Amino acid sequence: MKNEYIWKGYTFKKLSEEEYPAWATFFSMVFKRKFTANFFKIKYNTGHLGRKLLACIAYDSDKVPVASFTNIPYMVEYNGEKHITLQNCDDATHPDHQRRGLSSKISQFSFKFAKQEGYTWLFGLPNETLSLVFDKQGWTFLERFKLYSFKISTLPIFGVMMRLGLSKVYEKYTYILLKKYIVEPESFNSFNNKGFMTVHRSLEHLTYKAGLDNFFVKINEVVFWLKIGGGSLIIGDVKVSSESELLVGMKELNRMARLLGLKSIFFQTQSGSNLQQYFENNYQSKNGLPVYYMNLGSELPLEKLKLTFADFDTF
């Protein structure tokens, strides 16, 4: 099994946990925000699957990381059977090393590493820039998420507290406001029972995702999987049995967001679920993130993959 490749002075190899500090420095420079090794330890802690992160890193001649192609193990289910796959995320190239063919070459080596470890396909939710790269790399475009976004008229409590460095105070404020609604994590998927391929959201998976600070609230009989990020209240998925229940829940969620000083609520999902239809019947949608997959030899019907924003790597 080959663990290292050389190309035009660059060395490509799989990332190890010992290299997280150097990788955090690289990411902080590329994305102009602070990353820590501990952040990556939490995000990539997929021990519940018995699988480790599969990240390919390119090092220059000075052994400094200059590009990454990162894949997190995920379990999906289809027709009652579970299958291991990878979600691509956190791809980056140092500005001084762009336009040299690195992104194409690092993906090729990553696919080789994936095959060596028994993976037969990957999926990804790239931004607009990366989607152009995905097209060049040969990924298959599946569809775009439906994006539902709601502006909230409120005092900018979140923004002010973040600028003042009062994030811990805001966390306490959030807990006080939401404590009567917060419930234990619940395993559900709005695409279940539709014959689709979906992420297997076991309790172990929910515990893993909780490390990224998402939480569950229950309003009447409606369960929302939520996260606060970038001044918005983000819906990952919703457990609801009727359209009328959803509308009542959304009204209360709007009130929560206003009290929390958040500027918007948004939800992204692929089409085809009852939940998506409830949103479509009552709210205007826009094009959201694109969904892609890369088939490395799988015989599964990958076109049946269905995701919500709860399955995004940052949620």
Protein backbone atom coordinates (compact mmCIF):
# COMPACT_ATOMS: atom_id res chain seq x y z
CA MET A 1 0.00 0.00 0.00
CA LYS A 2 1.58 3.26 -1.14
CA ASN A 3 1.40 6.10 1.41
CA GLU A 4 3.31 8.83 -0.38
CA TYR A 5 3.55 10.33 -3.87
CA ILE A 6 6.00 12.82 -5.39
CA TRP A 7 5.05 15.25 -8.16
CA LYS A 8 6.95 18.33 -9.41
CA GLY A 9 8.73 18.88 -6.11
CA TYR A 10 5.60 18.36 -3.98
CA THR A 11 5.11 15.46 -1.60
CA PHE A 12 1.58 14.11 -1.18
CA LYS A 13 0.72 11.96 1.82
CA LYS A 14 -2.06 11.20 4.28
CA LEU A 15 -2.46 13.57 7.20
CA SER A 16 -1.81 12.25 10.71
CA GLU A 17 -3.14 13.74 13.94
CA GLU A 18 0.39 14.75 14.94
CA GLU A 19 0.38 17.18 12.03
CA TYR A 20 -2.82 19.02 13.07
CA PRO A 21 -0.93 22.00 14.58
CA ALA A 22 0.91 22.71 11.31
CA TRP A 23 -2.31 22.18 9.39
CA ALA A 24 -4.16 24.62 11.69
CA THR A 25 -1.51 27.25 10.91
CA PHE A 26 -1.95 26.59 7.18
CA PHE A 27 -5.75 26.91 7.39
CA SER A 28 -5.55 30.08 9.48
CA MET A 29 -3.41 31.67 6.81
CA VAL A 30 -5.54 30.57 3.85
CA PHE A 31 -8.95 31.41 5.34
CA LYS A 32 -7.87 34.48 7.37
CA ARG A 33 -9.39 33.23 10.63
CA LYS A 34 -8.06 31.39 13.66
CA PHE A 35 -8.01 27.58 13.58
CA THR A 36 -6.61 25.32 16.29
CA ALA A 37 -5.43 21.73 16.35
CA ASN A 38 -8.15 20.97 18.90
CA PHE A 39 -10.85 22.16 16.48
CA PHE A 40 -9.70 19.57 13.95
CA LYS A 41 -9.47 16.85 16.62
CA ILE A 42 -13.16 17.39 17.41
CA LYS A 43 -14.33 17.78 13.82
CA TYR A 44 -12.48 14.70 12.59
CA ASN A 45 -13.14 12.42 15.56
CA THR A 46 -15.01 9.66 13.71
CA GLY A 47 -13.92 6.85 16.01
CA HIS A 48 -17.56 5.76 16.38
CA LEU A 49 -17.31 4.45 12.80
CA GLY A 50 -14.01 2.67 13.38
CA ARG A 51 -12.56 4.85 10.62
CA LYS A 52 -10.14 7.76 10.65
CA LEU A 53 -10.03 10.96 8.65
CA LEU A 54 -8.70 10.48 5.12
CA ALA A 55 -6.93 13.71 4.21
CA CYS A 56 -4.31 14.12 1.52
CA ILE A 57 -1.84 16.92 2.16
CA ALA A 58 0.66 18.42 -0.28
CA TYR A 59 3.97 19.63 1.17
CA ASP A 60 6.45 21.85 -0.62
CA SER A 61 10.21 21.27 -0.70
CA ASP A 62 10.50 22.90 2.75
CA LYS A 63 8.00 20.38 4.18
CA VAL A 64 5.37 23.08 4.70
CA PRO A 65 1.71 22.14 3.96
CA VAL A 66 0.46 24.06 0.91
CA ALA A 67 -2.68 22.18 -0.19
CA SER A 68 -5.28 19.80 1.25
CA PHE A 69 -8.04 17.49 0.04
CA THR A 70 -9.97 16.29 3.06
CA ASN A 71 -12.55 13.52 3.47
CA ILE A 72 -14.53 12.59 6.59
CA PRO A 73 -15.93 9.05 6.97
CA TYR A 74 -19.74 8.90 6.97
CA MET A 75 -22.18 6.01 7.24
CA VAL A 76 -25.18 5.99 4.92
CA GLU A 77 -28.12 3.62 4.75
CA TYR A 78 -30.10 2.30 1.81
CA ASN A 79 -32.80 -0.36 1.82
CA GLY A 80 -31.99 -1.23 5.42
CA GLU A 81 -28.28 -1.78 4.80
CA LYS A 82 -25.42 0.44 5.97
CA HIS A 83 -22.54 1.53 3.73
CA ILE A 84 -19.38 3.49 4.53
CA THR A 85 -18.47 6.51 2.42
CA LEU A 86 -16.59 9.81 2.61
CA GLN A 87 -17.73 13.43 2.65
CA ASN A 88 -15.25 15.77 1.00
CA CYS A 89 -14.61 19.03 2.85
CA ASP A 90 -11.92 21.53 3.86
CA ASP A 91 -10.13 21.65 0.50
CA ALA A 92 -7.61 24.46 0.29
CA THR A 93 -4.53 25.62 -1.61
CA HIS A 94 -2.00 28.21 -0.48
CA PRO A 95 -2.32 31.37 -2.64
CA ASP A 96 1.35 31.16 -3.63
CA HIS A 97 0.82 27.64 -5.01
CA GLN A 98 -2.41 28.09 -6.95
CA ARG A 99 -2.73 27.64 -10.74
CA ARG A 100 -0.07 24.94 -10.77
CA GLY A 101 -2.36 21.94 -11.16
CA LEU A 102 -2.20 21.10 -7.46
CA SER A 103 -5.96 20.76 -6.90
CA SER A 104 -6.28 18.26 -9.74
CA LYS A 105 -3.26 16.22 -8.69
CA ILE A 106 -4.12 16.14 -4.97
CA SER A 107 -7.63 14.87 -5.75
CA GLN A 108 -6.17 12.07 -7.91
CA PHE A 109 -3.89 10.93 -5.11
CA SER A 110 -6.77 11.21 -2.60
CA PHE A 111 -8.92 8.92 -4.72
CA LYS A 112 -6.05 6.41 -4.79
CA PHE A 113 -5.78 6.55 -0.99
CA ALA A 114 -9.56 6.11 -0.73
CA LYS A 115 -9.54 3.01 -2.94
CA GLN A 116 -6.66 1.56 -0.91
CA GLU A 117 -8.83 1.84 2.22
CA GLY A 118 -11.86 0.24 0.58
CA TYR A 119 -13.95 3.29 -0.24
CA THR A 120 -15.94 3.13 -3.47
CA TRP A 121 -17.51 6.61 -3.54
CA LEU A 122 -17.51 10.08 -2.02
CA PHE A 123 -19.94 12.97 -1.83
CA GLY A 124 -19.34 16.69 -1.48
CA LEU A 125 -21.14 20.01 -1.02
CA PRO A 126 -18.70 22.53 -2.50
CA ASN A 127 -19.08 26.30 -2.64
CA GLU A 128 -19.40 28.01 -6.01
CA THR A 129 -15.63 28.27 -6.55
CA LEU A 130 -14.94 24.67 -5.60
CA SER A 131 -17.82 23.40 -7.73
CA LEU A 132 -15.86 24.53 -10.80
CA VAL A 133 -12.92 22.49 -9.51
CA PHE A 134 -15.21 19.50 -8.92
CA ASP A 135 -16.40 19.72 -12.53
CA LYS A 136 -12.81 19.58 -13.75
CA GLN A 137 -12.02 16.65 -11.43
CA GLY A 138 -14.83 14.56 -12.90
CA TRP A 139 -17.37 14.60 -10.07
CA THR A 140 -21.03 13.95 -10.96
CA PHE A 141 -23.41 16.82 -10.23
CA LEU A 142 -26.59 15.54 -8.56
CA GLU A 143 -28.72 18.59 -7.74
CA ARG A 144 -28.77 21.80 -5.77
CA PHE A 145 -30.14 22.21 -2.31
CA LYS A 146 -33.31 24.24 -1.92
CA LEU A 147 -32.46 27.25 0.27
CA TYR A 148 -35.13 28.82 2.47
CA SER A 149 -34.00 32.02 4.19
CA PHE A 150 -35.88 34.34 6.52
CA LYS A 151 -34.68 37.78 7.62
CA ILE A 152 -35.27 38.70 11.26
CA SER A 153 -35.89 42.27 12.49
CA THR A 154 -34.16 42.50 15.85
CA LEU A 155 -31.44 44.17 17.88
CA PRO A 156 -27.99 42.88 16.81
CA ILE A 157 -27.29 41.19 20.15
CA PHE A 158 -25.24 38.37 18.65
CA GLY A 159 -23.03 40.63 16.55
CA VAL A 160 -22.36 43.07 19.38
CA MET A 161 -21.45 40.35 21.87
CA MET A 162 -19.12 38.65 19.40
CA ARG A 163 -17.33 41.93 18.64
CA LEU A 164 -16.91 42.55 22.38
CA GLY A 165 -15.49 39.08 22.94
CA LEU A 166 -18.46 38.01 25.06
CA SER A 167 -19.15 34.67 23.40
CA LYS A 168 -19.36 32.84 26.76
CA VAL A 169 -21.87 35.37 28.04
CA TYR A 170 -23.92 34.91 24.87
CA GLU A 171 -23.86 31.12 25.33
CA LYS A 172 -25.33 31.53 28.83
CA TYR A 173 -27.93 33.98 27.50
CA THR A 174 -28.88 31.47 24.79
CA TYR A 175 -29.24 28.65 27.31
CA ILE A 176 -31.50 30.74 29.58
CA LEU A 177 -33.78 31.62 26.65
CA LEU A 178 -33.95 28.13 25.19
CA LYS A 179 -33.67 25.79 28.19
CA LYS A 180 -37.40 25.01 28.29
CA TYR A 181 -37.26 23.95 24.62
CA ILE A 182 -33.94 22.06 24.53
CA VAL A 183 -34.28 18.27 24.39
CA GLU A 184 -31.95 15.30 24.11
CA PRO A 185 -30.62 14.48 20.61
CA GLU A 186 -33.12 12.46 18.60
CA SER A 187 -32.33 10.27 15.63
CA PHE A 188 -34.53 11.14 12.66
CA ASN A 189 -34.20 12.07 8.99
CA SER A 190 -36.81 13.92 6.94
CA PHE A 191 -35.98 11.68 3.94
CA ASN A 192 -36.50 8.35 5.72
CA ASN A 193 -39.14 5.94 4.42
CA LYS A 194 -38.91 7.37 0.91
CA GLY A 195 -36.61 4.80 -0.69
CA PHE A 196 -33.66 7.21 -0.66
CA MET A 197 -30.05 6.80 0.43
CA THR A 198 -29.50 8.91 3.56
CA VAL A 199 -26.88 9.52 6.23
CA HIS A 200 -27.22 7.02 9.07
CA ARG A 201 -27.90 9.30 12.02
CA SER A 202 -27.23 6.93 14.89
CA LEU A 203 -27.00 8.26 18.44
CA GLU A 204 -23.21 7.88 18.12
CA HIS A 205 -23.33 10.06 15.01
CA LEU A 206 -25.42 12.68 16.84
CA THR A 207 -22.93 12.68 19.72
CA TYR A 208 -20.10 13.21 17.24
CA LYS A 209 -21.98 16.07 15.54
CA ALA A 210 -22.75 17.69 18.91
CA GLY A 211 -19.05 18.52 19.15
CA LEU A 212 -19.76 21.20 16.54
CA ASP A 213 -22.23 22.93 18.93
CA ASN A 214 -25.56 22.02 17.39
CA PHE A 215 -28.60 21.22 19.55
CA PHE A 216 -32.21 20.03 19.48
CA VAL A 217 -35.32 21.95 20.52
CA LYS A 218 -38.93 20.81 20.68
CA ILE A 219 -41.81 23.20 19.99
CA ASN A 220 -45.12 21.47 20.65
CA GLU A 221 -44.61 18.23 18.65
CA VAL A 222 -42.02 19.62 16.24
CA VAL A 223 -38.33 18.79 16.78
CA PHE A 224 -35.77 21.15 15.22
CA TRP A 225 -32.08 20.28 14.89
CA LEU A 226 -30.37 23.68 15.11
CA LYS A 227 -27.09 25.54 15.21
CA ILE A 228 -26.18 29.19 15.68
CA GLY A 229 -23.53 30.40 13.27
CA GLY A 230 -22.52 33.61 11.55
CA GLY A 231 -25.33 35.51 13.23
CA SER A 232 -28.00 33.14 11.89
CA LEU A 233 -30.15 30.37 13.30
CA ILE A 234 -29.44 27.38 11.05
CA ILE A 235 -31.91 24.53 10.70
CA GLY A 236 -30.27 21.16 10.07
CA ASP A 237 -33.43 19.10 9.83
CA VAL A 238 -36.96 18.98 11.24
CA LYS A 239 -39.13 16.15 12.57
CA VAL A 240 -42.73 17.11 11.86
CA SER A 241 -45.88 15.24 10.92
CA SER A 242 -47.91 17.95 9.19
CA GLU A 243 -47.64 21.26 7.38
CA SER A 244 -49.73 23.05 9.99
CA GLU A 245 -47.42 21.84 12.77
CA LEU A 246 -44.41 23.17 10.87
CA LEU A 247 -45.96 26.63 10.45
CA VAL A 248 -46.67 26.87 14.18
CA GLY A 249 -43.13 25.74 14.96
CA MET A 250 -41.58 28.21 12.51
CA LYS A 251 -43.51 31.07 14.06
CA GLU A 252 -42.06 30.26 17.47
CA LEU A 253 -38.60 29.73 15.97
CA ASN A 254 -38.81 33.22 14.48
CA ARG A 255 -39.56 34.59 17.94
CA MET A 256 -36.56 32.73 19.38
CA ALA A 257 -34.23 34.12 16.72
CA ARG A 258 -35.49 37.65 17.40
CA LEU A 259 -34.83 37.32 21.15
CA LEU A 260 -31.39 35.88 20.43
CA GLY A 261 -30.52 38.88 18.28
CA LEU A 262 -29.93 36.80 15.16
CA LYS A 263 -30.27 38.34 11.71
CA SER A 264 -31.79 35.38 9.89
CA ILE A 265 -33.02 31.78 9.88
CA PHE A 266 -32.10 29.47 7.03
CA PHE A 267 -32.58 25.87 6.00
CA GLN A 268 -31.15 23.91 3.07
CA THR A 269 -32.34 20.53 1.85
CA GLN A 270 -32.53 18.48 -1.29
CA SER A 271 -35.97 18.12 -2.82
CA GLY A 272 -38.22 15.12 -2.40
CA SER A 273 -39.16 14.95 1.29
CA ASN A 274 -42.50 15.87 2.84
CA LEU A 275 -40.63 18.50 4.86
CA GLN A 276 -39.22 20.14 1.75
CA GLN A 277 -42.68 20.24 0.22
CA TYR A 278 -44.10 21.89 3.35
CA PHE A 279 -41.44 24.61 3.06
CA GLU A 280 -42.02 24.95 -0.68
CA ASN A 281 -45.77 25.39 -0.18
CA ASN A 282 -45.28 28.32 2.19
CA TYR A 283 -41.91 29.97 1.56
CA GLN A 284 -39.88 31.12 -1.42
CA SER A 285 -36.83 29.02 -2.24
CA LYS A 286 -33.53 29.89 -3.87
CA ASN A 287 -30.71 27.76 -5.23
CA GLY A 288 -28.49 26.49 -2.43
CA LEU A 289 -25.33 24.41 -2.29
CA PRO A 290 -24.67 21.93 -5.10
CA VAL A 291 -24.50 18.22 -4.29
CA TYR A 292 -21.87 16.09 -6.07
CA TYR A 293 -20.65 12.53 -5.86
CA MET A 294 -17.57 10.71 -7.13
CA ASN A 295 -18.02 7.06 -8.06
CA LEU A 296 -14.84 5.02 -7.56
CA GLY A 297 -16.48 1.71 -8.35
CA SER A 298 -19.65 1.60 -6.27
CA GLU A 299 -22.68 -0.33 -7.50
CA LEU A 300 -25.04 1.62 -5.23
CA PRO A 301 -27.63 3.94 -6.87
CA LEU A 302 -25.74 7.09 -5.88
CA GLU A 303 -28.32 9.25 -7.65
CA LYS A 304 -30.69 8.39 -4.77
CA LEU A 305 -28.53 10.20 -2.20
CA LYS A 306 -30.57 12.74 -0.21
CA LEU A 307 -29.13 15.20 2.30
CA THR A 308 -30.19 18.10 4.48
CA PHE A 309 -27.96 20.81 5.96
CA ALA A 310 -27.52 18.63 9.07
CA ASP A 311 -25.28 16.44 6.92
CA PHE A 312 -22.95 19.31 5.99
CA ASP A 313 -19.51 18.96 7.57
CA THR A 314 -19.71 22.28 9.44
CA PHE A 315 -23.13 21.68 11.01
